[in-house]
Amino acid sequence: MRRLEGCNATLRGALRAPIHWACWNALTASAVAVAALSLVLIVMAAPADAREAGATRGEAANVFDTAMQSVVSVLPHWPPDARRAEEPEASGIVWRDGRHVVTALHVVAKALSVDIRTRDGDTLPAQIVGRDPATDIAVLRVESDLPPAVFRAREPAIGEKACAAGNAFGLGLSLSCGVVSAVRRAGVGFNPIEDFVQTDAAVNPGSSGGALLDGEGQVIGLLSAIFTKTSDANIGVNFAVSARLLERVAGDIAKHGRPRRARSGLIVAPASGNPRGPVVRSVPPGSPAARADLAVGDIVLSVNGRRVLSPAEVMAEQAVTPVPGLMSLDVVRNGGKRTIEVELFEPKADDGRGGATNR
């Protein structure tokens, strides 16, 4: 934008009479011809540029129009004593197979039954097939083929366009746009396991479970929570469960009816010095962490190649690691760096807390 304003100022200055005539006296005949030709080309190009800009806006509108077909309204039916305390309507995203819808667990947790409403206005019954309190994700099943959303594998960049698509205030599906404010937000305090994309796109009651879309209409997150004041529904600090965590959890629920959560035995505490990283505080005997030779006092620098600065980030990285699978940790021990691979397994019983523990 500054560049465009600067260019406009330069053109305006060049057309002012004093400057124009001072330049004119120094120009040769050939230079005048070139300048005149350039001016003609600029004038002729302007309508084409305008048409191109209009086409770009039209293409963007088409992208979001298509993406919005994969966002639905979620209509929970509450017990009489819960109606005033819960959101009357919410939002959801059509899963890859077109027969499941992912949403925020808190909007359907106490519902007696659930319907969904498509953008075309069709209302369909839905069944809750699984839920994960640790990430606030629930998966619904519908007996219909719906247009699936496109989920983006690549992490969004800070400053990238982000649009919240959902059923804000129960008024029907709508779109509001902003930017990605932050990624890999963990330890915010909403869920036991967090890997949030933060955005300033407007997110309001009823948007929960909706889609956070990138500029191409691909899903980069599931709208989950907002920071707010008493008098404000939205103050621009809003959170969406990252697409990578969403795919890991929702994929498990759609296939197995529950999230497959690993146990590592790794117990870490917040960083307290340099190099900065969570510190291993306990390694239970016989645990995967113990078998991998993790030791008390190890400083965890990264998990699966991602830098971690808090126990909550360690939990998030473990939560997205396939089960069974290997979790790679780069640690510092006695001043030396080493890489340790922990073999993750799924316990028979799961309390939803995840494997790594924040102490």
Protein backbone atom coordinates (compact mmCIF):
# COMPACT_ATOMS: atom_id res chain seq x y z
CA MET A 1 0.00 0.00 0.00
CA ARG A 2 2.82 2.49 0.77
CA ARG A 3 4.37 1.64 -2.53
CA LEU A 4 1.15 2.44 -4.38
CA GLU A 5 0.72 5.72 -2.50
CA GLY A 6 4.32 6.64 -3.26
CA CYS A 7 3.82 5.91 -6.95
CA ASN A 8 0.67 8.02 -7.11
CA ALA A 9 2.46 10.93 -5.42
CA THR A 10 5.29 10.71 -7.95
CA LEU A 11 2.88 10.74 -10.89
CA ARG A 12 0.98 13.71 -9.49
CA GLY A 13 4.25 15.61 -9.00
CA ALA A 14 5.37 14.91 -12.55
CA LEU A 15 2.16 16.39 -13.90
CA ARG A 16 2.42 19.65 -11.99
CA ALA A 17 3.09 22.55 -14.33
CA PRO A 18 6.43 23.85 -12.93
CA ILE A 19 8.03 20.42 -12.93
CA HIS A 20 6.50 19.49 -16.24
CA TRP A 21 7.80 22.53 -18.06
CA ALA A 22 11.26 22.40 -16.48
CA CYS A 23 11.63 18.85 -17.73
CA TRP A 24 10.21 19.73 -21.13
CA ASN A 25 13.02 22.19 -21.89
CA ALA A 26 15.65 19.51 -21.36
CA LEU A 27 14.00 16.80 -23.44
CA THR A 28 15.00 15.96 -26.99
CA ALA A 29 12.37 15.26 -29.62
CA SER A 30 12.90 11.52 -29.30
CA ALA A 31 12.56 11.68 -25.55
CA VAL A 32 9.27 13.53 -25.94
CA ALA A 33 8.02 10.78 -28.21
CA VAL A 34 9.04 8.10 -25.73
CA ALA A 35 7.43 9.99 -22.86
CA ALA A 36 4.22 10.46 -24.84
CA LEU A 37 4.15 6.76 -25.73
CA SER A 38 4.71 5.83 -22.09
CA LEU A 39 1.84 8.05 -21.02
CA VAL A 40 -0.45 6.47 -23.61
CA LEU A 41 0.55 3.00 -22.44
CA ILE A 42 -0.14 3.91 -18.82
CA VAL A 43 -3.56 5.31 -19.69
CA MET A 44 -4.40 2.30 -21.83
CA ALA A 45 -3.19 -0.16 -19.18
CA ALA A 46 -5.29 1.31 -16.39
CA PRO A 47 -8.62 -0.23 -17.46
CA ALA A 48 -6.91 -3.61 -17.94
CA ASP A 49 -5.41 -3.37 -14.46
CA ALA A 50 -8.82 -2.53 -13.06
CA ARG A 51 -10.35 -5.50 -14.85
CA GLU A 52 -7.58 -7.74 -13.49
CA ALA A 53 -8.16 -6.48 -9.95
CA GLY A 54 -11.88 -7.07 -10.36
CA ALA A 55 -11.23 -10.59 -11.62
CA THR A 56 -8.96 -11.27 -8.64
CA ARG A 57 -11.66 -10.14 -6.23
CA GLY A 58 -14.17 -12.26 -8.09
CA GLU A 59 -11.91 -15.30 -7.92
CA ALA A 60 -11.45 -14.80 -4.18
CA ALA A 61 -15.22 -14.56 -3.74
CA ASN A 62 -15.65 -17.82 -5.66
CA VAL A 63 -13.02 -19.52 -3.50
CA PHE A 64 -14.81 -18.60 -0.29
CA ASP A 65 -18.23 -19.35 -1.75
CA THR A 66 -17.03 -22.89 -2.46
CA ALA A 67 -15.38 -23.24 0.97
CA MET A 68 -18.54 -22.09 2.75
CA GLN A 69 -20.42 -25.06 1.27
CA SER A 70 -18.38 -27.23 3.65
CA VAL A 71 -19.35 -25.24 6.75
CA VAL A 72 -22.64 -26.05 8.50
CA SER A 73 -24.73 -24.76 11.36
CA VAL A 74 -24.90 -27.11 14.35
CA LEU A 75 -28.24 -27.16 16.17
CA PRO A 76 -28.04 -28.85 19.58
CA HIS A 77 -31.25 -29.66 21.43
CA TRP A 78 -30.69 -28.97 25.13
CA PRO A 79 -32.44 -30.17 28.26
CA PRO A 80 -34.83 -27.46 29.54
CA ASP A 81 -32.56 -26.52 32.46
CA ALA A 82 -29.50 -26.03 30.22
CA ARG A 83 -30.91 -23.88 27.42
CA ARG A 84 -30.12 -20.51 28.95
CA ALA A 85 -26.53 -21.41 29.80
CA GLU A 86 -25.54 -22.98 26.47
CA GLU A 87 -25.14 -21.66 22.94
CA PRO A 88 -28.44 -22.20 21.07
CA GLU A 89 -26.64 -22.71 17.77
CA ALA A 90 -23.05 -23.33 16.70
CA SER A 91 -21.01 -24.34 13.66
CA GLY A 92 -19.23 -27.33 12.15
CA ILE A 93 -16.91 -28.37 9.32
CA VAL A 94 -17.62 -31.23 6.92
CA TRP A 95 -14.93 -33.88 7.30
CA ARG A 96 -12.95 -35.47 4.48
CA ASP A 97 -15.40 -38.32 3.84
CA GLY A 98 -18.41 -36.01 3.51
CA ARG A 99 -20.37 -38.02 6.10
CA HIS A 100 -18.85 -36.64 9.29
CA VAL A 101 -18.88 -33.14 10.74
CA VAL A 102 -16.28 -31.88 13.21
CA THR A 103 -17.26 -29.27 15.78
CA ALA A 104 -16.34 -27.92 19.21
CA LEU A 105 -17.25 -30.35 21.97
CA HIS A 106 -18.51 -27.67 24.35
CA VAL A 107 -21.40 -26.82 22.02
CA VAL A 108 -22.82 -30.37 21.95
CA ALA A 109 -21.53 -31.94 25.19
CA LYS A 110 -24.85 -31.74 27.06
CA ALA A 111 -27.18 -31.91 24.07
CA LEU A 112 -29.97 -34.48 24.03
CA SER A 113 -29.75 -34.62 20.24
CA VAL A 114 -28.13 -32.65 17.43
CA ASP A 115 -29.15 -31.53 13.95
CA ILE A 116 -27.09 -29.75 11.33
CA ARG A 117 -28.24 -27.20 8.79
CA THR A 118 -26.44 -26.85 5.48
CA ARG A 119 -25.81 -23.58 3.71
CA ASP A 120 -28.66 -24.47 1.35
CA GLY A 121 -31.04 -24.64 4.31
CA ASP A 122 -31.46 -28.42 4.57
CA THR A 123 -31.74 -29.70 8.15
CA LEU A 124 -30.32 -33.17 8.83
CA PRO A 125 -30.17 -35.28 12.00
CA ALA A 126 -26.68 -35.97 13.31
CA GLN A 127 -25.25 -38.47 15.76
CA ILE A 128 -22.32 -37.79 18.08
CA VAL A 129 -19.86 -40.59 17.33
CA GLY A 130 -16.99 -39.47 19.55
CA ARG A 131 -15.63 -36.67 21.68
CA ASP A 132 -12.31 -35.51 23.09
CA PRO A 133 -12.50 -33.27 26.17
CA ALA A 134 -8.73 -32.76 26.10
CA THR A 135 -8.92 -30.78 22.84
CA ASP A 136 -12.61 -29.70 22.81
CA ILE A 137 -13.30 -31.64 19.61
CA ALA A 138 -16.41 -33.67 18.79
CA VAL A 139 -17.30 -35.58 15.63
CA LEU A 140 -20.85 -36.00 14.32
CA ARG A 141 -22.12 -38.40 11.68
CA VAL A 142 -24.80 -37.61 9.12
CA GLU A 143 -26.51 -39.96 6.70
CA SER A 144 -25.86 -37.77 3.70
CA ASP A 145 -23.02 -36.92 1.34
CA LEU A 146 -21.90 -33.36 1.98
CA PRO A 147 -19.11 -31.41 0.22
CA PRO A 148 -15.96 -32.02 2.29
CA ALA A 149 -13.66 -29.22 3.35
CA VAL A 150 -10.04 -29.03 2.22
CA PHE A 151 -7.68 -29.19 5.19
CA ARG A 152 -4.30 -27.54 4.82
CA ALA A 153 -1.25 -29.51 5.94
CA ARG A 154 1.20 -26.61 5.90
CA GLU A 155 1.25 -24.37 8.96
CA PRO A 156 0.01 -20.82 8.28
CA ALA A 157 2.37 -17.88 8.57
CA ILE A 158 1.91 -14.94 10.92
CA GLY A 159 0.30 -12.09 8.99
CA GLU A 160 -1.32 -14.42 6.48
CA LYS A 161 -4.99 -13.86 5.64
CA ALA A 162 -7.40 -15.73 7.92
CA CYS A 163 -11.19 -15.81 7.65
CA ALA A 164 -13.63 -17.11 10.26
CA ALA A 165 -16.58 -18.96 8.75
CA GLY A 166 -19.42 -19.84 11.08
CA ASN A 167 -22.92 -19.27 12.38
CA ALA A 168 -22.20 -16.14 14.45
CA PHE A 169 -25.02 -15.36 16.91
CA GLY A 170 -27.17 -17.97 15.14
CA LEU A 171 -27.89 -15.55 12.29
CA GLY A 172 -26.74 -18.01 9.63
CA LEU A 173 -23.39 -18.72 8.03
CA SER A 174 -21.16 -15.70 7.51
CA LEU A 175 -17.52 -14.82 6.89
CA SER A 176 -15.24 -12.34 8.62
CA CYS A 177 -11.59 -11.85 7.73
CA GLY A 178 -8.41 -10.78 9.47
CA VAL A 179 -4.93 -12.23 9.76
CA VAL A 180 -3.09 -15.02 11.53
CA SER A 181 -1.83 -13.34 14.71
CA ALA A 182 0.17 -16.27 16.11
CA VAL A 183 0.65 -20.02 15.72
CA ARG A 184 1.48 -22.88 18.09
CA ARG A 185 -0.30 -21.22 21.00
CA ALA A 186 -0.25 -23.67 23.92
CA GLY A 187 -0.85 -23.27 27.63
CA VAL A 188 -3.54 -20.63 27.10
CA GLY A 189 -5.77 -22.37 29.61
CA PHE A 190 -8.85 -23.45 27.66
CA ASN A 191 -8.02 -27.14 27.11
CA PRO A 192 -5.63 -29.71 28.62
CA ILE A 193 -4.03 -30.11 25.18
CA GLU A 194 -3.69 -26.96 23.07
CA ASP A 195 -2.19 -26.13 19.70
CA PHE A 196 -3.99 -22.96 18.66
CA VAL A 197 -3.84 -20.64 15.70
CA GLN A 198 -4.57 -17.14 16.99
CA THR A 199 -6.43 -14.66 14.79
CA ASP A 200 -8.00 -11.22 14.93
CA ALA A 201 -10.81 -12.26 12.56
CA ALA A 202 -14.11 -11.63 14.35
CA VAL A 203 -15.29 -14.72 16.24
CA ASN A 204 -18.51 -14.53 18.24
CA PRO A 205 -20.95 -16.86 20.05
CA GLY A 206 -22.32 -19.32 17.52
CA SER A 207 -19.03 -19.42 15.62
CA SER A 208 -17.68 -22.22 17.84
CA GLY A 209 -16.86 -25.26 15.73
CA GLY A 210 -16.64 -23.22 12.55
CA ALA A 211 -13.71 -23.01 10.15
CA LEU A 212 -10.71 -20.73 10.15
CA LEU A 213 -9.83 -20.49 6.46
CA ASP A 214 -6.74 -19.27 4.65
CA GLY A 215 -6.82 -17.07 1.56
CA GLU A 216 -7.38 -20.13 -0.64
CA GLY A 217 -10.38 -21.33 1.35
CA GLN A 218 -8.49 -24.19 3.01
CA VAL A 219 -9.11 -25.02 6.66
CA ILE A 220 -6.26 -23.99 8.96
CA GLY A 221 -8.19 -24.37 12.21
CA LEU A 222 -11.41 -25.14 14.09
CA LEU A 223 -12.84 -22.07 15.87
CA SER A 224 -12.79 -22.85 19.55
CA ALA A 225 -12.35 -19.98 22.01
CA ILE A 226 -12.00 -16.23 22.44
CA PHE A 227 -10.60 -13.81 24.98
CA THR A 228 -13.35 -11.34 25.82
CA LYS A 229 -14.51 -8.63 28.18
CA THR A 230 -17.88 -8.45 29.93
CA SER A 231 -19.13 -5.84 27.48
CA ASP A 232 -17.50 -7.21 24.33
CA ALA A 233 -18.16 -10.47 22.51
CA ASN A 234 -15.03 -10.14 20.43
CA ILE A 235 -11.87 -8.10 21.07
CA GLY A 236 -9.67 -9.61 18.36
CA VAL A 237 -7.90 -12.32 20.39
CA ASN A 238 -9.45 -15.52 19.10
CA PHE A 239 -8.27 -19.12 18.93
CA ALA A 240 -8.75 -22.04 16.57
CA VAL A 241 -7.52 -25.60 17.09
CA SER A 242 -4.77 -26.07 14.51
CA ALA A 243 -5.54 -28.15 11.44
CA ARG A 244 -2.77 -30.62 12.30
CA LEU A 245 -4.20 -31.34 15.76
CA LEU A 246 -7.73 -31.35 14.38
CA GLU A 247 -6.84 -33.90 11.71
CA ARG A 248 -5.06 -36.12 14.21
CA VAL A 249 -7.92 -36.17 16.73
CA ALA A 250 -10.92 -36.01 14.38
CA GLY A 251 -9.37 -38.60 12.09
CA ASP A 252 -9.05 -41.02 15.01
CA ILE A 253 -12.59 -40.36 16.20
CA ALA A 254 -14.10 -40.77 12.73
CA LYS A 255 -12.26 -44.09 12.30
CA HIS A 256 -12.12 -45.53 15.82
CA GLY A 257 -14.80 -43.60 17.72
CA ARG A 258 -12.19 -42.10 20.07
CA PRO A 259 -8.83 -40.34 19.97
CA ARG A 260 -5.83 -42.66 20.20
CA ARG A 261 -3.74 -40.97 22.85
CA ALA A 262 -0.23 -42.10 23.70
CA ARG A 263 1.62 -42.49 26.98
CA SER A 264 5.30 -41.63 27.17
CA GLY A 265 5.87 -41.34 30.91
CA LEU A 266 7.63 -38.05 30.28
CA ILE A 267 7.11 -35.54 33.11
CA VAL A 268 8.47 -32.06 32.43
CA ALA A 269 8.57 -28.72 34.23
CA PRO A 270 8.82 -25.15 32.87
CA ALA A 271 12.17 -23.83 31.72
CA SER A 272 14.31 -22.13 34.33
CA GLY A 273 17.59 -21.25 32.61
CA ASN A 274 19.68 -21.41 29.46
CA PRO A 275 19.36 -23.12 27.11
CA ARG A 276 15.65 -22.51 27.46
CA GLY A 277 13.41 -25.56 27.31
CA PRO A 278 11.19 -27.77 29.49
CA VAL A 279 13.18 -29.76 32.05
CA VAL A 280 12.60 -33.48 32.62
CA ARG A 281 11.54 -33.83 36.27
CA SER A 282 10.61 -37.49 36.45
CA VAL A 283 10.91 -40.63 34.34
CA PRO A 284 8.79 -43.50 35.71
CA PRO A 285 10.62 -46.85 35.60
CA GLY A 286 9.51 -49.06 32.72
CA SER A 287 7.88 -46.19 30.83
CA PRO A 288 8.65 -45.49 27.15
CA ALA A 289 10.66 -42.44 28.26
CA ALA A 290 12.76 -44.61 30.60
CA ARG A 291 13.33 -47.25 27.92
CA ALA A 292 14.51 -44.49 25.57
CA ASP A 293 17.10 -43.39 28.17
CA LEU A 294 15.63 -40.00 28.98
CA ALA A 295 17.02 -38.75 32.27
CA VAL A 296 15.97 -36.35 35.00
CA GLY A 297 17.51 -32.96 34.28
CA ASP A 298 17.46 -33.31 30.49
CA ILE A 299 16.45 -30.03 28.83
CA VAL A 300 14.06 -30.58 25.92
CA LEU A 301 14.84 -28.26 23.00
CA SER A 302 12.55 -29.66 20.31
CA VAL A 303 10.04 -32.42 19.69
CA ASN A 304 9.70 -33.92 16.21
CA GLY A 305 11.84 -31.07 14.89
CA ARG A 306 9.71 -28.30 16.41
CA ARG A 307 11.18 -25.96 19.00
CA VAL A 308 9.37 -26.20 22.35
CA LEU A 309 9.52 -23.67 25.16
CA SER A 310 6.93 -25.01 27.61
CA PRO A 311 5.48 -28.28 28.92
CA ALA A 312 2.23 -27.44 27.12
CA GLU A 313 4.07 -27.41 23.80
CA VAL A 314 5.60 -30.81 24.57
CA MET A 315 2.09 -32.16 25.21
CA ALA A 316 0.85 -30.68 21.94
CA GLU A 317 3.66 -32.27 19.94
CA GLN A 318 3.04 -35.64 21.56
CA ALA A 319 -0.67 -35.32 20.83
CA VAL A 320 -0.08 -35.01 17.08
CA THR A 321 2.40 -37.91 16.92
CA PRO A 322 0.80 -41.02 15.36
CA VAL A 323 0.12 -43.94 17.71
CA PRO A 324 1.93 -46.29 17.66
CA GLY A 325 4.89 -44.22 16.56
CA LEU A 326 8.18 -42.59 17.46
CA MET A 327 8.53 -39.18 19.09
CA SER A 328 11.93 -37.61 18.49
CA LEU A 329 13.33 -35.29 21.18
CA ASP A 330 16.42 -33.11 20.94
CA VAL A 331 17.74 -32.64 24.47
CA VAL A 332 20.69 -31.13 26.28
CA ARG A 333 22.36 -33.28 28.97
CA ASN A 334 25.41 -32.09 30.86
CA GLY A 335 26.06 -29.45 28.21
CA GLY A 336 25.94 -31.87 25.27
CA LYS A 337 23.15 -32.26 22.72
CA ARG A 338 21.63 -35.59 21.78
CA THR A 339 18.56 -36.93 19.99
CA ILE A 340 16.36 -39.49 21.73
CA GLU A 341 13.48 -41.40 20.16
CA VAL A 342 10.62 -42.42 22.41
CA GLU A 343 8.35 -45.23 21.24
CA LEU A 344 4.76 -44.24 21.96
CA PHE A 345 2.00 -46.68 22.73
CA GLU A 346 -1.68 -46.45 23.52
CA PRO A 347 -2.70 -47.56 27.02
CA LYS A 348 -5.81 -49.62 27.54
CA ALA A 349 -7.46 -46.86 29.57
CA ASP A 350 -7.28 -43.15 28.72
CA ASP A 351 -8.31 -40.29 30.96
CA GLY A 352 -7.90 -37.64 28.23
CA ARG A 353 -4.83 -35.97 29.79
CA GLY A 354 -2.25 -37.05 27.23
CA GLY A 355 1.11 -38.64 27.88
CA ALA A 356 3.52 -35.88 28.76
CA THR A 357 2.68 -34.29 32.08
CA ASN A 358 2.94 -30.63 33.00
CA ARG A 359 4.28 -30.31 36.53
